[in-house]
């Protein structure tokens, strides 16, 4: 079967196309994730998927070489990352990436109308989006449990960064939409580069590797749809703004994850983000996700 062809994710849709795409995205999201459980920041179908993973657990055959090295460094890096084994370093970087996501969505959740209060379709979409992101944090947590790391805690960032994340949802849309789109695109790129490290890093733990990849796959399918959805908020001027801020946002974000430079080529990730189109995602995953109509060739 031939891979479908797509246009660049930076292609600009018309106002009418974008309005239509909000409708199709919300229909996709409610079908894909199921009913929203507001009180638990959860979704019915996502909860069922997580329960399947938990009811069919996979655990690594052996603990990390030094589990305390992970616990000592996963929140704040204390050791020289060059002295850490590759598995531990990768897992600490993944935690730090997910932690930023968790802090951001926690602030945004409090600033977003509940589904019952939402009057605009865009607000309903945002509520579903945030609930899906909370589900991602639970899937990340299951990754750590797969590697016998049962005591991972989700710890807030420092006061300054917490304040930035709390204030961000209240920015006007012409400021907020471009960075929000870029961070979703960053998620797709990061997950692809993370996946590329799994075979080598977990070569001696094939079952654990495959379970981590399966969990990552669930997250990535959603992230592909999220990037398109956030793209749909961005008009012609916002697209220019997004391209301008892409590089500094990537650089600043990964600078805040010490040790990531030993695993990831940030310049390569930036190039991948600038040149991104959906043909880079496996067809079986694309079949389960959502793409803006104007990013398709036909």
Protein backbone atom coordinates (compact mmCIF):
# COMPACT_ATOMS: atom_id res chain seq x y z
CA UNK A 1 0.00 0.00 0.00
CA UNK A 2 1.42 3.37 -1.01
CA UNK A 3 1.96 5.92 1.74
CA UNK A 4 -0.42 8.87 1.42
CA UNK A 5 1.15 12.15 0.36
CA UNK A 6 0.90 15.25 2.51
CA UNK A 7 1.78 18.91 2.32
CA UNK A 8 3.99 20.69 4.84
CA UNK A 9 2.41 21.19 8.24
CA UNK A 10 3.15 24.90 7.73
CA UNK A 11 0.80 25.18 4.74
CA UNK A 12 -1.86 27.84 5.44
CA UNK A 13 -5.53 26.91 5.40
CA UNK A 14 -8.29 29.37 4.58
CA UNK A 15 -10.59 30.66 7.33
CA UNK A 16 -13.38 28.45 5.97
CA UNK A 17 -11.14 25.37 5.88
CA UNK A 18 -10.03 25.98 9.43
CA UNK A 19 -13.63 26.37 10.66
CA UNK A 20 -14.58 23.10 8.98
CA UNK A 21 -11.54 21.39 10.45
CA UNK A 22 -12.49 22.37 14.00
CA UNK A 23 -15.76 20.53 13.42
CA UNK A 24 -14.11 17.39 12.05
CA UNK A 25 -11.43 17.43 14.73
CA UNK A 26 -13.93 17.57 17.58
CA UNK A 27 -15.92 14.72 16.04
CA UNK A 28 -12.69 12.72 15.76
CA UNK A 29 -11.60 13.51 19.32
CA UNK A 30 -14.87 12.51 20.97
CA UNK A 31 -14.96 9.29 18.94
CA UNK A 32 -11.28 8.52 19.52
CA UNK A 33 -11.11 9.24 23.24
CA UNK A 34 -14.65 8.71 24.46
CA UNK A 35 -16.62 10.55 27.11
CA UNK A 36 -14.80 13.17 29.18
CA UNK A 37 -14.65 12.53 32.94
CA UNK A 38 -14.11 16.09 34.16
CA UNK A 39 -13.59 15.28 37.85
CA UNK A 40 -10.69 12.95 37.04
CA UNK A 41 -9.22 14.70 34.00
CA UNK A 42 -9.74 11.46 32.15
CA UNK A 43 -11.49 9.99 29.11
CA UNK A 44 -13.39 6.73 28.92
CA UNK A 45 -11.57 5.09 26.01
CA UNK A 46 -8.18 6.32 27.22
CA UNK A 47 -8.89 4.90 30.66
CA UNK A 48 -9.77 1.54 29.09
CA UNK A 49 -6.51 1.52 27.13
CA UNK A 50 -4.44 2.32 30.23
CA UNK A 51 -6.28 -0.37 32.19
CA UNK A 52 -5.37 -2.91 29.51
CA UNK A 53 -1.68 -2.03 29.89
CA UNK A 54 -1.97 -2.23 33.68
CA UNK A 55 -3.88 -5.53 33.60
CA UNK A 56 -1.25 -6.98 31.25
CA UNK A 57 1.92 -5.61 32.83
CA UNK A 58 5.41 -5.95 31.40
CA UNK A 59 8.39 -5.44 33.68
CA UNK A 60 12.06 -5.39 32.79
CA UNK A 61 14.01 -8.53 33.60
CA UNK A 62 16.48 -6.62 35.70
CA UNK A 63 16.50 -3.22 37.40
CA UNK A 64 18.60 -0.35 36.11
CA UNK A 65 22.32 -0.69 36.94
CA UNK A 66 21.85 1.91 39.68
CA UNK A 67 18.17 2.74 40.31
CA UNK A 68 19.14 5.35 42.87
CA UNK A 69 20.95 7.23 40.11
CA UNK A 70 17.58 7.68 38.40
CA UNK A 71 15.82 8.80 41.59
CA UNK A 72 18.66 11.17 42.41
CA UNK A 73 18.56 12.82 38.98
CA UNK A 74 15.09 12.53 37.48
CA UNK A 75 13.69 15.73 38.98
CA UNK A 76 16.87 17.82 39.09
CA UNK A 77 20.11 16.57 37.56
CA UNK A 78 22.68 16.25 40.32
CA UNK A 79 25.29 13.94 38.77
CA UNK A 80 27.47 14.53 35.73
CA UNK A 81 25.28 13.08 32.94
CA UNK A 82 28.40 11.70 31.25
CA UNK A 83 28.80 9.27 34.17
CA UNK A 84 25.23 7.92 33.90
CA UNK A 85 24.33 4.77 32.01
CA UNK A 86 22.36 5.38 28.82
CA UNK A 87 19.07 3.87 30.00
CA UNK A 88 19.00 5.96 33.13
CA UNK A 89 19.92 9.15 31.31
CA UNK A 90 17.25 8.56 28.66
CA UNK A 91 14.57 7.91 31.26
CA UNK A 92 15.48 11.04 33.22
CA UNK A 93 15.24 13.10 30.02
CA UNK A 94 11.87 11.57 29.17
CA UNK A 95 10.61 12.38 32.66
CA UNK A 96 11.77 15.99 32.38
CA UNK A 97 10.07 16.36 28.99
CA UNK A 98 6.81 14.89 30.30
CA UNK A 99 7.06 16.96 33.48
CA UNK A 100 7.00 20.18 31.45
CA UNK A 101 3.91 18.86 29.66
CA UNK A 102 2.26 18.01 32.99
CA UNK A 103 2.93 21.43 34.49
CA UNK A 104 1.68 23.19 31.37
CA UNK A 105 -1.58 21.25 31.12
CA UNK A 106 -2.25 21.60 34.84
CA UNK A 107 -2.15 25.39 34.53
CA UNK A 108 -4.20 25.35 31.32
CA UNK A 109 -6.86 23.04 32.82
CA UNK A 110 -7.65 25.59 35.53
CA UNK A 111 -7.93 28.35 32.92
CA UNK A 112 -10.20 26.46 30.51
CA UNK A 113 -14.01 26.29 30.82
CA UNK A 114 -15.44 22.90 31.68
CA UNK A 115 -17.19 21.09 28.88
CA UNK A 116 -20.57 22.04 30.38
CA UNK A 117 -19.55 25.71 30.59
CA UNK A 118 -17.93 25.89 27.16
CA UNK A 119 -19.89 27.86 24.58
CA UNK A 120 -17.28 27.96 21.81
CA UNK A 121 -16.28 24.81 19.94
CA UNK A 122 -12.64 25.78 20.39
CA UNK A 123 -13.05 25.68 24.19
CA UNK A 124 -14.60 22.20 24.00
CA UNK A 125 -11.69 21.08 21.84
CA UNK A 126 -9.19 22.50 24.31
CA UNK A 127 -10.85 20.67 27.20
CA UNK A 128 -10.62 17.33 25.39
CA UNK A 129 -7.05 18.09 24.33
CA UNK A 130 -5.96 18.74 27.91
CA UNK A 131 -7.66 15.60 29.20
CA UNK A 132 -5.82 13.58 26.55
CA UNK A 133 -2.54 15.12 27.72
CA UNK A 134 -3.27 14.06 31.31
CA UNK A 135 -3.79 10.56 29.92
CA UNK A 136 -0.34 10.81 28.33
CA UNK A 137 1.22 11.50 31.72
CA UNK A 138 -0.36 8.26 32.98
CA UNK A 139 1.13 6.40 30.01
CA UNK A 140 4.55 7.91 30.72
CA UNK A 141 4.15 6.78 34.32
CA UNK A 142 3.53 3.26 33.06
CA UNK A 143 6.79 3.46 31.09
CA UNK A 144 8.70 4.06 34.31
CA UNK A 145 6.87 1.20 36.02
CA UNK A 146 7.86 -1.02 33.08
CA UNK A 147 11.48 -0.35 34.06
CA UNK A 148 10.74 -1.22 37.73
CA UNK A 149 10.67 2.45 38.73
CA UNK A 150 7.62 2.38 40.99
CA UNK A 151 8.26 5.52 43.07
CA UNK A 152 8.21 8.25 40.41
CA UNK A 153 6.50 11.44 41.57
CA UNK A 154 5.27 14.31 39.41
CA UNK A 155 6.95 17.33 40.94
CA UNK A 156 6.11 20.98 40.10
CA UNK A 157 8.74 23.16 38.47
CA UNK A 158 10.36 26.10 40.24
CA UNK A 159 8.24 29.14 41.16
CA UNK A 160 9.24 31.22 38.12
CA UNK A 161 8.49 28.50 35.57
CA UNK A 162 5.27 27.60 37.39
CA UNK A 163 4.19 31.24 37.12
CA UNK A 164 4.98 31.31 33.38
CA UNK A 165 2.94 28.16 32.73
CA UNK A 166 0.02 29.47 34.82
CA UNK A 167 0.01 32.79 32.95
CA UNK A 168 0.44 31.35 29.45
CA UNK A 169 -3.23 30.29 28.90
CA UNK A 170 -4.36 33.87 29.55
CA UNK A 171 -2.21 35.36 26.77
CA UNK A 172 -4.12 36.71 23.77
CA UNK A 173 -4.50 34.19 20.97
CA UNK A 174 -2.15 36.04 18.61
CA UNK A 175 0.64 35.42 21.14
CA UNK A 176 -0.45 32.00 22.42
CA UNK A 177 -1.38 30.11 19.25
CA UNK A 178 2.05 30.07 17.55
CA UNK A 179 4.01 28.76 20.57
CA UNK A 180 1.23 26.26 21.39
CA UNK A 181 1.48 24.85 17.86
CA UNK A 182 5.29 24.69 17.98
CA UNK A 183 5.28 22.83 21.30
CA UNK A 184 2.91 20.20 19.90
CA UNK A 185 5.16 19.84 16.85
CA UNK A 186 8.09 19.53 19.24
CA UNK A 187 6.29 16.66 20.92
CA UNK A 188 5.95 14.70 17.68
CA UNK A 189 9.61 15.26 16.80
CA UNK A 190 10.83 14.35 20.29
CA UNK A 191 8.78 11.14 20.35
CA UNK A 192 10.17 10.09 16.96
CA UNK A 193 13.75 10.67 18.15
CA UNK A 194 12.99 8.89 21.44
CA UNK A 195 11.61 5.91 19.51
CA UNK A 196 14.76 5.84 17.36
CA UNK A 197 16.86 5.27 20.51
CA UNK A 198 14.82 2.37 21.88
CA UNK A 199 16.33 -0.51 19.89
CA UNK A 200 19.89 0.35 20.83
CA UNK A 201 19.28 1.50 24.40
CA UNK A 202 17.02 -1.40 25.39
CA UNK A 203 18.58 -4.10 23.22
CA UNK A 204 18.99 -6.33 26.28
CA UNK A 205 15.37 -5.80 27.36
CA UNK A 206 13.27 -6.60 24.27
CA UNK A 207 9.98 -7.11 26.11
CA UNK A 208 10.33 -3.90 28.10
CA UNK A 209 11.43 -2.08 24.95
CA UNK A 210 8.36 -3.25 23.06
CA UNK A 211 6.05 -2.21 25.90
CA UNK A 212 7.65 1.26 26.08
CA UNK A 213 7.25 1.55 22.32
CA UNK A 214 3.57 0.52 22.55
CA UNK A 215 2.94 3.16 25.23
CA UNK A 216 4.80 5.76 23.18
CA UNK A 217 2.74 4.83 20.13
CA UNK A 218 -0.49 5.64 21.98
CA UNK A 219 0.91 9.04 22.95
CA UNK A 220 2.23 9.79 19.47
CA UNK A 221 -1.06 9.03 17.73
CA UNK A 222 -2.70 11.69 19.90
CA UNK A 223 0.20 14.10 19.48
CA UNK A 224 -0.07 13.90 15.69
CA UNK A 225 -3.72 14.96 15.98
CA UNK A 226 -2.87 17.64 18.55
CA UNK A 227 -0.27 19.23 16.29
CA UNK A 228 -2.82 19.46 13.48
CA UNK A 229 -5.44 20.82 15.84
CA UNK A 230 -3.13 23.51 17.21
CA UNK A 231 -2.03 24.23 13.64
CA UNK A 232 -5.67 24.93 12.86
CA UNK A 233 -5.69 27.87 15.28
CA UNK A 234 -2.86 29.57 13.39
CA UNK A 235 -3.54 31.88 10.44
CA UNK A 236 -1.09 33.32 7.88
CA UNK A 237 0.64 35.77 10.24
CA UNK A 238 0.75 33.22 13.03
CA UNK A 239 2.44 30.78 10.67
CA UNK A 240 5.25 33.25 10.05
CA UNK A 241 5.53 33.84 13.81
CA UNK A 242 5.66 30.07 14.47
CA UNK A 243 8.52 29.64 12.01
CA UNK A 244 10.44 32.48 13.64
CA UNK A 245 10.12 31.15 17.18
CA UNK A 246 10.60 27.47 16.36
CA UNK A 247 14.37 27.37 16.75
CA UNK A 248 14.63 29.46 19.96
CA UNK A 249 11.78 27.52 21.58
CA UNK A 250 13.43 24.18 20.83
CA UNK A 251 16.80 25.45 22.07
CA UNK A 252 15.35 26.90 25.29
CA UNK A 253 13.25 23.83 26.04
CA UNK A 254 16.04 21.29 25.65
CA UNK A 255 18.54 23.57 27.41
CA UNK A 256 16.24 23.14 30.41
CA UNK A 257 16.69 19.33 30.17
CA UNK A 258 20.33 18.83 31.21
CA UNK A 259 21.90 15.77 29.64
CA UNK A 260 19.58 15.75 26.63
CA UNK A 261 22.45 16.88 24.38
CA UNK A 262 24.19 13.55 25.05
CA UNK A 263 21.22 11.70 23.54
CA UNK A 264 19.51 14.01 21.09
CA UNK A 265 20.69 16.19 18.23
CA UNK A 266 18.58 19.31 18.83
CA UNK A 267 19.63 20.87 15.52
CA UNK A 268 18.40 17.73 13.75
CA UNK A 269 15.11 17.94 15.63
CA UNK A 270 14.72 21.58 14.60
CA UNK A 271 15.35 20.65 10.96
CA UNK A 272 12.83 17.80 11.25
CA UNK A 273 10.23 20.17 12.68
CA UNK A 274 10.76 22.76 9.95
CA UNK A 275 10.42 20.13 7.24
CA UNK A 276 7.67 18.12 8.89
CA UNK A 277 4.84 16.58 6.96
CA UNK A 278 2.66 13.64 7.95
CA UNK A 279 4.32 11.18 5.57
CA UNK A 280 7.01 10.85 8.28
CA UNK A 281 4.47 9.06 10.49
CA UNK A 282 3.79 5.35 9.93
CA UNK A 283 0.60 4.72 7.90
CA UNK A 284 -0.95 2.49 10.58
CA UNK A 285 -0.61 5.33 13.09
CA UNK A 286 -1.93 7.90 10.65
CA UNK A 287 -5.00 5.71 10.14
CA UNK A 288 -5.84 6.23 13.81
CA UNK A 289 -5.08 9.95 13.98
CA UNK A 290 -6.32 13.21 12.44
CA UNK A 291 -4.83 15.62 9.88
CA UNK A 292 -6.07 19.06 8.76
CA UNK A 293 -7.67 18.77 5.35
CA UNK A 294 -5.36 21.41 3.90
CA UNK A 295 -2.32 19.29 4.80
CA UNK A 296 -3.50 16.49 2.51
CA UNK A 297 -2.69 16.45 -1.19
CA UNK A 298 -6.07 15.16 -2.23
